[in-house]
PDB file of N, CA and C in Angstrom:
ATOM      1  N   MET A   1     -13.061 -54.298  11.896  1.00  0.00           N
ATOM      2  CA  MET A   1     -14.229 -53.835  11.191  1.00  0.00           C
ATOM      3  C   MET A   1     -13.772 -53.152   9.902  1.00  0.00           C
ATOM      4  N   THR A   2     -14.316 -53.541   8.795  1.00  0.00           N
ATOM      5  CA  THR A   2     -13.916 -52.972   7.524  1.00  0.00           C
ATOM      6  C   THR A   2     -14.910 -51.910   7.098  1.00  0.00           C
ATOM      7  N   LYS A   3     -14.396 -50.945   6.380  1.00  0.00           N
ATOM      8  CA  LYS A   3     -15.253 -49.883   5.876  1.00  0.00           C
ATOM      9  C   LYS A   3     -15.234 -49.978   4.363  1.00  0.00           C
ATOM     10  N   THR A   4     -16.421 -50.062   3.781  1.00  0.00           N
ATOM     11  CA  THR A   4     -16.497 -50.157   2.331  1.00  0.00           C
ATOM     12  C   THR A   4     -16.585 -48.759   1.739  1.00  0.00           C
ATOM     13  N   THR A   5     -16.083 -48.628   0.548  1.00  0.00           N
ATOM     14  CA  THR A   5     -16.169 -47.337  -0.119  1.00  0.00           C
ATOM     15  C   THR A   5     -17.417 -47.318  -0.988  1.00  0.00           C
ATOM     16  N   ASN A   6     -17.989 -46.156  -1.141  1.00  0.00           N
ATOM     17  CA  ASN A   6     -19.166 -46.016  -1.982  1.00  0.00           C
ATOM     18  C   ASN A   6     -18.705 -45.800  -3.414  1.00  0.00           C
ATOM     19  N   LYS A   7     -18.972 -46.774  -4.239  1.00  0.00           N
ATOM     20  CA  LYS A   7     -18.534 -46.733  -5.626  1.00  0.00           C
ATOM     21  C   LYS A   7     -19.394 -45.769  -6.444  1.00  0.00           C
ATOM     22  N   TYR A   8     -20.626 -45.575  -5.993  1.00  0.00           N
ATOM     23  CA  TYR A   8     -21.578 -44.762  -6.750  1.00  0.00           C
ATOM     24  C   TYR A   8     -21.884 -43.485  -5.992  1.00  0.00           C
ATOM     25  N   SER A   9     -21.939 -42.392  -6.719  1.00  0.00           N
ATOM     26  CA  SER A   9     -22.229 -41.105  -6.090  1.00  0.00           C
ATOM     27  C   SER A   9     -23.681 -41.070  -5.631  1.00  0.00           C
ATOM     28  N   PRO A  10     -23.981 -40.202  -4.673  1.00  0.00           N
ATOM     29  CA  PRO A  10     -25.374 -40.086  -4.219  1.00  0.00           C
ATOM     30  C   PRO A  10     -26.334 -39.708  -5.350  1.00  0.00           C
ATOM     31  N   GLU A  11     -25.857 -38.930  -6.309  1.00  0.00           N
ATOM     32  CA  GLU A  11     -26.704 -38.540  -7.435  1.00  0.00           C
ATOM     33  C   GLU A  11     -27.098 -39.743  -8.283  1.00  0.00           C
ATOM     34  N   VAL A  12     -26.139 -40.631  -8.523  1.00  0.00           N
ATOM     35  CA  VAL A  12     -26.417 -41.838  -9.306  1.00  0.00           C
ATOM     36  C   VAL A  12     -27.400 -42.727  -8.553  1.00  0.00           C
ATOM     37  N   ARG A  13     -27.195 -42.867  -7.260  1.00  0.00           N
ATOM     38  CA  ARG A  13     -28.110 -43.676  -6.450  1.00  0.00           C
ATOM     39  C   ARG A  13     -29.526 -43.114  -6.502  1.00  0.00           C
ATOM     40  N   GLU A  14     -29.640 -41.803  -6.249  1.00  0.00           N
ATOM     41  CA  GLU A  14     -30.959 -41.167  -6.237  1.00  0.00           C
ATOM     42  C   GLU A  14     -31.663 -41.308  -7.579  1.00  0.00           C
ATOM     43  N   ARG A  15     -30.919 -41.115  -8.643  1.00  0.00           N
ATOM     44  CA  ARG A  15     -31.512 -41.199  -9.979  1.00  0.00           C
ATOM     45  C   ARG A  15     -31.986 -42.621 -10.286  1.00  0.00           C
ATOM     46  N   ALA A  16     -31.154 -43.599  -9.947  1.00  0.00           N
ATOM     47  CA  ALA A  16     -31.519 -44.994 -10.200  1.00  0.00           C
ATOM     48  C   ALA A  16     -32.753 -45.389  -9.394  1.00  0.00           C
ATOM     49  N   VAL A  17     -32.808 -44.991  -8.139  1.00  0.00           N
ATOM     50  CA  VAL A  17     -33.959 -45.311  -7.291  1.00  0.00           C
ATOM     51  C   VAL A  17     -35.207 -44.625  -7.830  1.00  0.00           C
ATOM     52  N   ARG A  18     -35.060 -43.366  -8.213  1.00  0.00           N
ATOM     53  CA  ARG A  18     -36.196 -42.623  -8.775  1.00  0.00           C
ATOM     54  C   ARG A  18     -36.703 -43.292 -10.049  1.00  0.00           C
ATOM     55  N   MET A  19     -35.784 -43.776 -10.876  1.00  0.00           N
ATOM     56  CA  MET A  19     -36.183 -44.459 -12.111  1.00  0.00           C
ATOM     57  C   MET A  19     -36.969 -45.732 -11.794  1.00  0.00           C
ATOM     58  N   VAL A  20     -36.553 -46.467 -10.767  1.00  0.00           N
ATOM     59  CA  VAL A  20     -37.269 -47.696 -10.391  1.00  0.00           C
ATOM     60  C   VAL A  20     -38.652 -47.353  -9.866  1.00  0.00           C
ATOM     61  N   LEU A  21     -38.724 -46.368  -8.963  1.00  0.00           N
ATOM     62  CA  LEU A  21     -40.002 -46.035  -8.339  1.00  0.00           C
ATOM     63  C   LEU A  21     -40.975 -45.393  -9.332  1.00  0.00           C
ATOM     64  N   ASN A  22     -40.474 -44.564 -10.240  1.00  0.00           N
ATOM     65  CA  ASN A  22     -41.347 -43.886 -11.204  1.00  0.00           C
ATOM     66  C   ASN A  22     -41.658 -44.740 -12.425  1.00  0.00           C
ATOM     67  N   GLY A  23     -40.789 -45.675 -12.751  1.00  0.00           N
ATOM     68  CA  GLY A  23     -40.970 -46.455 -13.967  1.00  0.00           C
ATOM     69  C   GLY A  23     -41.521 -47.839 -13.742  1.00  0.00           C
ATOM     70  N   ALA A  24     -42.185 -48.037 -12.616  1.00  0.00           N
ATOM     71  CA  ALA A  24     -42.694 -49.374 -12.296  1.00  0.00           C
ATOM     72  C   ALA A  24     -43.735 -49.836 -13.306  1.00  0.00           C
ATOM     73  N   GLY A  25     -44.523 -48.930 -13.860  1.00  0.00           N
ATOM     74  CA  GLY A  25     -45.566 -49.302 -14.810  1.00  0.00           C
ATOM     75  C   GLY A  25     -45.033 -49.679 -16.183  1.00  0.00           C
ATOM     76  N   GLN A  26     -43.794 -49.337 -16.467  1.00  0.00           N
ATOM     77  CA  GLN A  26     -43.212 -49.604 -17.784  1.00  0.00           C
ATOM     78  C   GLN A  26     -42.633 -51.017 -17.877  1.00  0.00           C
ATOM     79  N   HIS A  27     -42.550 -51.700 -16.765  1.00  0.00           N
ATOM     80  CA  HIS A  27     -41.965 -53.045 -16.730  1.00  0.00           C
ATOM     81  C   HIS A  27     -42.998 -54.027 -16.197  1.00  0.00           C
ATOM     82  N   GLU A  28     -42.789 -55.290 -16.507  1.00  0.00           N
ATOM     83  CA  GLU A  28     -43.760 -56.310 -16.091  1.00  0.00           C
ATOM     84  C   GLU A  28     -43.728 -56.561 -14.586  1.00  0.00           C
ATOM     85  N   SER A  29     -42.591 -56.308 -13.944  1.00  0.00           N
ATOM     86  CA  SER A  29     -42.493 -56.457 -12.493  1.00  0.00           C
ATOM     87  C   SER A  29     -41.455 -55.471 -11.974  1.00  0.00           C
ATOM     88  N   ARG A  30     -41.464 -55.317 -10.690  1.00  0.00           N
ATOM     89  CA  ARG A  30     -40.484 -54.413 -10.086  1.00  0.00           C
ATOM     90  C   ARG A  30     -39.068 -54.942 -10.288  1.00  0.00           C
ATOM     91  N   TRP A  31     -38.912 -56.247 -10.158  1.00  0.00           N
ATOM     92  CA  TRP A  31     -37.578 -56.831 -10.326  1.00  0.00           C
ATOM     93  C   TRP A  31     -37.066 -56.620 -11.747  1.00  0.00           C
ATOM     94  N   SER A  32     -37.928 -56.745 -12.731  1.00  0.00           N
ATOM     95  CA  SER A  32     -37.472 -56.520 -14.117  1.00  0.00           C
ATOM     96  C   SER A  32     -37.072 -55.052 -14.298  1.00  0.00           C
ATOM     97  N   ALA A  33     -37.751 -54.135 -13.620  1.00  0.00           N
ATOM     98  CA  ALA A  33     -37.356 -52.724 -13.665  1.00  0.00           C
ATOM     99  C   ALA A  33     -35.989 -52.545 -13.024  1.00  0.00           C
ATOM    100  N   ILE A  34     -35.778 -53.204 -11.906  1.00  0.00           N
ATOM    101  CA  ILE A  34     -34.490 -53.100 -11.209  1.00  0.00           C
ATOM    102  C   ILE A  34     -33.366 -53.670 -12.064  1.00  0.00           C
ATOM    103  N   VAL A  35     -33.601 -54.821 -12.680  1.00  0.00           N
ATOM    104  CA  VAL A  35     -32.576 -55.435 -13.530  1.00  0.00           C
ATOM    105  C   VAL A  35     -32.255 -54.527 -14.714  1.00  0.00           C
ATOM    106  N   SER A  36     -33.282 -53.984 -15.333  1.00  0.00           N
ATOM    107  CA  SER A  36     -33.087 -53.113 -16.488  1.00  0.00           C
ATOM    108  C   SER A  36     -32.306 -51.853 -16.117  1.00  0.00           C
ATOM    109  N   ILE A  37     -32.703 -51.220 -15.047  1.00  0.00           N
ATOM    110  CA  ILE A  37     -32.061 -49.957 -14.648  1.00  0.00           C
ATOM    111  C   ILE A  37     -30.664 -50.201 -14.090  1.00  0.00           C
ATOM    112  N   SER A  38     -30.476 -51.302 -13.391  1.00  0.00           N
ATOM    113  CA  SER A  38     -29.142 -51.589 -12.852  1.00  0.00           C
ATOM    114  C   SER A  38     -28.129 -51.817 -13.969  1.00  0.00           C
ATOM    115  N   SER A  39     -28.574 -52.421 -15.053  1.00  0.00           N
ATOM    116  CA  SER A  39     -27.644 -52.629 -16.170  1.00  0.00           C
ATOM    117  C   SER A  39     -27.261 -51.297 -16.809  1.00  0.00           C
ATOM    118  N   LYS A  40     -28.161 -50.332 -16.775  1.00  0.00           N
ATOM    119  CA  LYS A  40     -27.858 -49.003 -17.334  1.00  0.00           C
ATOM    120  C   LYS A  40     -26.928 -48.200 -16.427  1.00  0.00           C
ATOM    121  N   THR A  41     -27.061 -48.382 -15.116  1.00  0.00           N
ATOM    122  CA  THR A  41     -26.224 -47.625 -14.185  1.00  0.00           C
ATOM    123  C   THR A  41     -24.915 -48.330 -13.862  1.00  0.00           C
ATOM    124  N   GLY A  42     -24.827 -49.626 -14.177  1.00  0.00           N
ATOM    125  CA  GLY A  42     -23.593 -50.372 -13.938  1.00  0.00           C
ATOM    126  C   GLY A  42     -23.476 -50.972 -12.558  1.00  0.00           C
ATOM    127  N   CYS A  43     -24.566 -51.008 -11.821  1.00  0.00           N
ATOM    128  CA  CYS A  43     -24.513 -51.625 -10.492  1.00  0.00           C
ATOM    129  C   CYS A  43     -25.226 -52.971 -10.539  1.00  0.00           C
ATOM    130  N   ALA A  44     -25.026 -53.744  -9.498  1.00  0.00           N
ATOM    131  CA  ALA A  44     -25.677 -55.046  -9.416  1.00  0.00           C
ATOM    132  C   ALA A  44     -27.154 -54.859  -9.078  1.00  0.00           C
ATOM    133  N   PRO A  45     -28.024 -55.714  -9.616  1.00  0.00           N
ATOM    134  CA  PRO A  45     -29.455 -55.589  -9.303  1.00  0.00           C
ATOM    135  C   PRO A  45     -29.750 -55.663  -7.806  1.00  0.00           C
ATOM    136  N   GLN A  46     -29.030 -56.513  -7.085  1.00  0.00           N
ATOM    137  CA  GLN A  46     -29.239 -56.624  -5.645  1.00  0.00           C
ATOM    138  C   GLN A  46     -28.902 -55.311  -4.944  1.00  0.00           C
ATOM    139  N   THR A  47     -27.867 -54.640  -5.414  1.00  0.00           N
ATOM    140  CA  THR A  47     -27.476 -53.352  -4.830  1.00  0.00           C
ATOM    141  C   THR A  47     -28.573 -52.322  -5.031  1.00  0.00           C
ATOM    142  N   LEU A  48     -29.065 -52.225  -6.254  1.00  0.00           N
ATOM    143  CA  LEU A  48     -30.137 -51.274  -6.539  1.00  0.00           C
ATOM    144  C   LEU A  48     -31.388 -51.608  -5.732  1.00  0.00           C
ATOM    145  N   ASN A  49     -31.693 -52.891  -5.594  1.00  0.00           N
ATOM    146  CA  ASN A  49     -32.848 -53.303  -4.797  1.00  0.00           C
ATOM    147  C   ASN A  49     -32.690 -52.836  -3.346  1.00  0.00           C
ATOM    148  N   GLU A  50     -31.492 -52.960  -2.783  1.00  0.00           N
ATOM    149  CA  GLU A  50     -31.237 -52.497  -1.413  1.00  0.00           C
ATOM    150  C   GLU A  50     -31.401 -50.984  -1.311  1.00  0.00           C
ATOM    151  N   TRP A  51     -30.927 -50.244  -2.316  1.00  0.00           N
ATOM    152  CA  TRP A  51     -31.100 -48.790  -2.317  1.00  0.00           C
ATOM    153  C   TRP A  51     -32.585 -48.430  -2.302  1.00  0.00           C
ATOM    154  N   VAL A  52     -33.374 -49.126  -3.130  1.00  0.00           N
ATOM    155  CA  VAL A  52     -34.804 -48.844  -3.230  1.00  0.00           C
ATOM    156  C   VAL A  52     -35.482 -49.142  -1.890  1.00  0.00           C
ATOM    157  N   LYS A  53     -35.151 -50.282  -1.286  1.00  0.00           N
ATOM    158  CA  LYS A  53     -35.755 -50.641   0.000  1.00  0.00           C
ATOM    159  C   LYS A  53     -35.389 -49.620   1.075  1.00  0.00           C
ATOM    160  N   LYS A  54     -34.147 -49.145   1.060  1.00  0.00           N
ATOM    161  CA  LYS A  54     -33.703 -48.163   2.046  1.00  0.00           C
ATOM    162  C   LYS A  54     -34.480 -46.855   1.903  1.00  0.00           C
ATOM    163  N   VAL A  55     -34.688 -46.413   0.668  1.00  0.00           N
ATOM    164  CA  VAL A  55     -35.464 -45.190   0.434  1.00  0.00           C
ATOM    165  C   VAL A  55     -36.901 -45.385   0.896  1.00  0.00           C
ATOM    166  N   GLU A  56     -37.465 -46.545   0.633  1.00  0.00           N
ATOM    167  CA  GLU A  56     -38.836 -46.819   1.061  1.00  0.00           C
ATOM    168  C   GLU A  56     -38.960 -46.800   2.588  1.00  0.00           C
ATOM    169  N   VAL A  57     -37.973 -47.337   3.282  1.00  0.00           N
ATOM    170  CA  VAL A  57     -37.990 -47.308   4.751  1.00  0.00           C
ATOM    171  C   VAL A  57     -37.860 -45.869   5.239  1.00  0.00           C
ATOM    172  N   ASP A  58     -36.943 -45.122   4.641  1.00  0.00           N
ATOM    173  CA  ASP A  58     -36.713 -43.742   5.073  1.00  0.00           C
ATOM    174  C   ASP A  58     -37.917 -42.845   4.818  1.00  0.00           C
ATOM    175  N   THR A  59     -38.708 -43.142   3.791  1.00  0.00           N
ATOM    176  CA  THR A  59     -39.876 -42.329   3.482  1.00  0.00           C
ATOM    177  C   THR A  59     -41.150 -42.860   4.128  1.00  0.00           C
ATOM    178  N   GLY A  60     -41.048 -43.977   4.849  1.00  0.00           N
ATOM    179  CA  GLY A  60     -42.198 -44.520   5.554  1.00  0.00           C
ATOM    180  C   GLY A  60     -43.089 -45.424   4.719  1.00  0.00           C
ATOM    181  N   GLN A  61     -42.677 -45.759   3.513  1.00  0.00           N
ATOM    182  CA  GLN A  61     -43.464 -46.642   2.657  1.00  0.00           C
ATOM    183  C   GLN A  61     -43.296 -48.106   3.035  1.00  0.00           C
ATOM    184  N   ARG A  62     -42.255 -48.397   3.801  1.00  0.00           N
ATOM    185  CA  ARG A  62     -41.936 -49.773   4.195  1.00  0.00           C
ATOM    186  C   ARG A  62     -41.496 -49.727   5.656  1.00  0.00           C
ATOM    187  N   GLY A  63     -41.810 -50.770   6.389  1.00  0.00           N
ATOM    188  CA  GLY A  63     -41.414 -50.833   7.786  1.00  0.00           C
ATOM    189  C   GLY A  63     -39.930 -51.094   7.932  1.00  0.00           C
ATOM    190  N   GLY A  64     -39.388 -50.661   9.034  1.00  0.00           N
ATOM    191  CA  GLY A  64     -37.972 -50.898   9.299  1.00  0.00           C
ATOM    192  C   GLY A  64     -37.353 -49.715  10.007  1.00  0.00           C
ATOM    193  N   ILE A  65     -36.078 -49.823  10.280  1.00  0.00           N
ATOM    194  CA  ILE A  65     -35.344 -48.770  10.972  1.00  0.00           C
ATOM    195  C   ILE A  65     -34.790 -47.801   9.936  1.00  0.00           C
ATOM    196  N   THR A  66     -35.125 -46.531  10.088  1.00  0.00           N
ATOM    197  CA  THR A  66     -34.664 -45.526   9.127  1.00  0.00           C
ATOM    198  C   THR A  66     -33.161 -45.318   9.261  1.00  0.00           C
ATOM    199  N   THR A  67     -32.570 -44.747   8.237  1.00  0.00           N
ATOM    200  CA  THR A  67     -31.141 -44.473   8.229  1.00  0.00           C
ATOM    201  C   THR A  67     -30.776 -43.557   9.386  1.00  0.00           C
ATOM    202  N   GLU A  68     -31.609 -42.554   9.636  1.00  0.00           N
ATOM    203  CA  GLU A  68     -31.352 -41.607  10.721  1.00  0.00           C
ATOM    204  C   GLU A  68     -31.308 -42.316  12.071  1.00  0.00           C
ATOM    205  N   HIS A  69     -32.280 -43.189  12.316  1.00  0.00           N
ATOM    206  CA  HIS A  69     -32.308 -43.919  13.584  1.00  0.00           C
ATOM    207  C   HIS A  69     -31.143 -44.903  13.686  1.00  0.00           C
ATOM    208  N   ALA A  70     -30.796 -45.535  12.588  1.00  0.00           N
ATOM    209  CA  ALA A  70     -29.675 -46.478  12.599  1.00  0.00           C
ATOM    210  C   ALA A  70     -28.371 -45.756  12.928  1.00  0.00           C
ATOM    211  N   GLU A  71     -28.177 -44.580  12.350  1.00  0.00           N
ATOM    212  CA  GLU A  71     -26.964 -43.798  12.638  1.00  0.00           C
ATOM    213  C   GLU A  71     -26.947 -43.342  14.087  1.00  0.00           C
ATOM    214  N   LYS A  72     -28.123 -42.936  14.597  1.00  0.00           N
ATOM    215  CA  LYS A  72     -28.218 -42.498  15.985  1.00  0.00           C
ATOM    216  C   LYS A  72     -27.911 -43.665  16.931  1.00  0.00           C
ATOM    217  N   MET A  73     -28.462 -44.838  16.638  1.00  0.00           N
ATOM    218  CA  MET A  73     -28.193 -46.017  17.467  1.00  0.00           C
ATOM    219  C   MET A  73     -26.707 -46.377  17.440  1.00  0.00           C
ATOM    220  N   LYS A  74     -26.098 -46.288  16.279  1.00  0.00           N
ATOM    221  CA  LYS A  74     -24.677 -46.607  16.151  1.00  0.00           C
ATOM    222  C   LYS A  74     -23.832 -45.644  16.981  1.00  0.00           C
ATOM    223  N   ALA A  75     -24.188 -44.353  16.933  1.00  0.00           N
ATOM    224  CA  ALA A  75     -23.458 -43.351  17.711  1.00  0.00           C
ATOM    225  C   ALA A  75     -23.632 -43.601  19.213  1.00  0.00           C
ATOM    226  N   LEU A  76     -24.861 -43.939  19.628  1.00  0.00           N
ATOM    227  CA  LEU A  76     -25.110 -44.210  21.039  1.00  0.00           C
ATOM    228  C   LEU A  76     -24.384 -45.470  21.502  1.00  0.00           C
ATOM    229  N   GLU A  77     -24.341 -46.497  20.662  1.00  0.00           N
ATOM    230  CA  GLU A  77     -23.606 -47.717  21.012  1.00  0.00           C
ATOM    231  C   GLU A  77     -22.121 -47.432  21.161  1.00  0.00           C
ATOM    232  N   ARG A  78     -21.590 -46.575  20.275  1.00  0.00           N
ATOM    233  CA  ARG A  78     -20.174 -46.193  20.366  1.00  0.00           C
ATOM    234  C   ARG A  78     -19.922 -45.439  21.676  1.00  0.00           C
ATOM    235  N   GLU A  79     -20.832 -44.518  22.026  1.00  0.00           N
ATOM    236  CA  GLU A  79     -20.698 -43.752  23.257  1.00  0.00           C
ATOM    237  C   GLU A  79     -20.754 -44.668  24.483  1.00  0.00           C
ATOM    238  N   VAL A  80     -21.672 -45.617  24.496  1.00  0.00           N
ATOM    239  CA  VAL A  80     -21.771 -46.572  25.603  1.00  0.00           C
ATOM    240  C   VAL A  80     -20.475 -47.360  25.733  1.00  0.00           C
ATOM    241  N   ARG A  81     -19.937 -47.811  24.607  1.00  0.00           N
ATOM    242  CA  ARG A  81     -18.682 -48.580  24.619  1.00  0.00           C
ATOM    243  C   ARG A  81     -17.544 -47.738  25.211  1.00  0.00           C
ATOM    244  N   GLU A  82     -17.456 -46.462  24.803  1.00  0.00           N
ATOM    245  CA  GLU A  82     -16.407 -45.575  25.315  1.00  0.00           C
ATOM    246  C   GLU A  82     -16.591 -45.311  26.805  1.00  0.00           C
ATOM    247  N   LEU A  83     -17.831 -45.129  27.243  1.00  0.00           N
ATOM    248  CA  LEU A  83     -18.096 -44.891  28.660  1.00  0.00           C
ATOM    249  C   LEU A  83     -17.774 -46.118  29.500  1.00  0.00           C
ATOM    250  N   LYS A  84     -18.063 -47.299  28.976  1.00  0.00           N
ATOM    251  CA  LYS A  84     -17.716 -48.528  29.696  1.00  0.00           C
ATOM    252  C   LYS A  84     -16.202 -48.648  29.848  1.00  0.00           C
ATOM    253  N   GLN A  85     -15.462 -48.284  28.790  1.00  0.00           N
ATOM    254  CA  GLN A  85     -14.003 -48.332  28.864  1.00  0.00           C
ATOM    255  C   GLN A  85     -13.491 -47.332  29.901  1.00  0.00           C
ATOM    256  N   ALA A  86     -14.066 -46.125  29.896  1.00  0.00           N
ATOM    257  CA  ALA A  86     -13.654 -45.101  30.862  1.00  0.00           C
ATOM    258  C   ALA A  86     -13.967 -45.557  32.286  1.00  0.00           C
ATOM    259  N   ASN A  87     -15.139 -46.159  32.495  1.00  0.00           N
ATOM    260  CA  ASN A  87     -15.492 -46.660  33.822  1.00  0.00           C
ATOM    261  C   ASN A  87     -14.537 -47.751  34.274  1.00  0.00           C
ATOM    262  N   GLU A  88     -14.141 -48.615  33.369  1.00  0.00           N
ATOM    263  CA  GLU A  88     -13.209 -49.692  33.706  1.00  0.00           C
ATOM    264  C   GLU A  88     -11.856 -49.115  34.110  1.00  0.00           C
ATOM    265  N   ILE A  89     -11.391 -48.107  33.383  1.00  0.00           N
ATOM    266  CA  ILE A  89     -10.120 -47.453  33.720  1.00  0.00           C
ATOM    267  C   ILE A  89     -10.219 -46.807  35.098  1.00  0.00           C
ATOM    268  N   LEU A  90     -11.322 -46.087  35.349  1.00  0.00           N
ATOM    269  CA  LEU A  90     -11.506 -45.435  36.646  1.00  0.00           C
ATOM    270  C   LEU A  90     -11.612 -46.460  37.780  1.00  0.00           C
ATOM    271  N   ARG A  91     -12.291 -47.580  37.525  1.00  0.00           N
ATOM    272  CA  ARG A  91     -12.416 -48.622  38.538  1.00  0.00           C
ATOM    273  C   ARG A  91     -11.042 -49.188  38.897  1.00  0.00           C
ATOM    274  N   LYS A  92     -10.228 -49.449  37.879  1.00  0.00           N
ATOM    275  CA  LYS A  92      -8.884 -49.985  38.123  1.00  0.00           C
ATOM    276  C   LYS A  92      -7.996 -48.969  38.829  1.00  0.00           C
ATOM    277  N   ALA A  93      -8.110 -47.699  38.424  1.00  0.00           N
ATOM    278  CA  ALA A  93      -7.313 -46.654  39.071  1.00  0.00           C
ATOM    279  C   ALA A  93      -7.718 -46.510  40.531  1.00  0.00           C
ATOM    280  N   SER A  94      -9.008 -46.558  40.788  1.00  0.00           N
ATOM    281  CA  SER A  94      -9.507 -46.450  42.156  1.00  0.00           C
ATOM    282  C   SER A  94      -8.986 -47.601  43.009  1.00  0.00           C
ATOM    283  N   ALA A  95      -9.037 -48.808  42.472  1.00  0.00           N
ATOM    284  CA  ALA A  95      -8.538 -49.975  43.202  1.00  0.00           C
ATOM    285  C   ALA A  95      -7.044 -49.854  43.457  1.00  0.00           C
ATOM    286  N   TYR A  96      -6.309 -49.360  42.470  1.00  0.00           N
ATOM    287  CA  TYR A  96      -4.857 -49.198  42.617  1.00  0.00           C
ATOM    288  C   TYR A  96      -4.538 -48.215  43.740  1.00  0.00           C
ATOM    289  N   PHE A  97      -5.207 -47.058  43.724  1.00  0.00           N
ATOM    290  CA  PHE A  97      -4.919 -46.047  44.734  1.00  0.00           C
ATOM    291  C   PHE A  97      -5.422 -46.462  46.115  1.00  0.00           C
ATOM    292  N   ALA A  98      -6.516 -47.197  46.165  1.00  0.00           N
ATOM    293  CA  ALA A  98      -6.999 -47.703  47.451  1.00  0.00           C
ATOM    294  C   ALA A  98      -5.986 -48.684  48.037  1.00  0.00           C
ATOM    295  N   GLN A  99      -5.426 -49.551  47.206  1.00  0.00           N
ATOM    296  CA  GLN A  99      -4.421 -50.510  47.658  1.00  0.00           C
ATOM    297  C   GLN A  99      -3.154 -49.781  48.081  1.00  0.00           C
ATOM    298  N   ALA A 100      -2.766 -48.759  47.327  1.00  0.00           N
ATOM    299  CA  ALA A 100      -1.573 -47.993  47.674  1.00  0.00           C
ATOM    300  C   ALA A 100      -1.762 -47.317  49.025  1.00  0.00           C
ATOM    301  N   GLU A 101      -2.959 -46.848  49.298  1.00  0.00           N
ATOM    302  CA  GLU A 101      -3.252 -46.211  50.589  1.00  0.00           C
ATOM    303  C   GLU A 101      -3.162 -47.230  51.724  1.00  0.00           C
ATOM    304  N   LEU A 102      -3.633 -48.448  51.464  1.00  0.00           N
ATOM    305  CA  LEU A 102      -3.560 -49.491  52.497  1.00  0.00           C
ATOM    306  C   LEU A 102      -2.119 -49.943  52.747  1.00  0.00           C
ATOM    307  N   ASP A 103      -1.306 -49.927  51.700  1.00  0.00           N
ATOM    308  CA  ASP A 103       0.085 -50.378  51.835  1.00  0.00           C
ATOM    309  C   ASP A 103       0.984 -49.332  52.468  1.00  0.00           C
ATOM    310  N   ARG A 104       0.535 -48.093  52.560  1.00  0.00           N
ATOM    311  CA  ARG A 104       1.342 -47.009  53.114  1.00  0.00           C
ATOM    312  C   ARG A 104       1.506 -47.214  54.604  1.00  0.00           C
ATOM    313  N   PRO A 105       2.733 -47.022  55.099  1.00  0.00           N
ATOM    314  CA  PRO A 105       2.946 -47.188  56.538  1.00  0.00           C
ATOM    315  C   PRO A 105       2.203 -46.104  57.327  1.00  0.00           C
ATOM    316  N   LEU A 106       1.758 -46.468  58.502  1.00  0.00           N
ATOM    317  CA  LEU A 106       1.043 -45.538  59.361  1.00  0.00           C
ATOM    318  C   LEU A 106       2.025 -44.523  59.967  1.00  0.00           C
ATOM    319  N   LYS A 107       1.591 -43.264  60.021  1.00  0.00           N
ATOM    320  CA  LYS A 107       2.415 -42.219  60.662  1.00  0.00           C
ATOM    321  C   LYS A 107       1.932 -42.049  62.097  1.00  0.00           C
ATOM    322  N   ARG A 108       2.880 -41.910  62.974  1.00  0.00           N
ATOM    323  CA  ARG A 108       2.524 -41.696  64.394  1.00  0.00           C
ATOM    324  C   ARG A 108       3.030 -40.399  64.870  1.00  0.00           C
TER     325      ARG A 108
END
């Protein structure tokens, strides 16, 4: 799994998104606003469009999974994965010790 670095600071992202959302009336379409503002900030129009959509989801203006819920789900999935690994280790250890107990000679 690769981790990408954030090339743009949160301030730049917030400002660019705010410019798109507030300046929609100054452009003929939302996409033309995104293209115009992305060229000023130095990011790709598709990137800025994704930022805008993410803010809209997080603020409830658009349907979808919010960033907070996505992070929570990711953390829970990681926890489930770790618990499954721990259960597998315990299951194998239990089987090993049960077999060792069966292989032990009986004392009289």
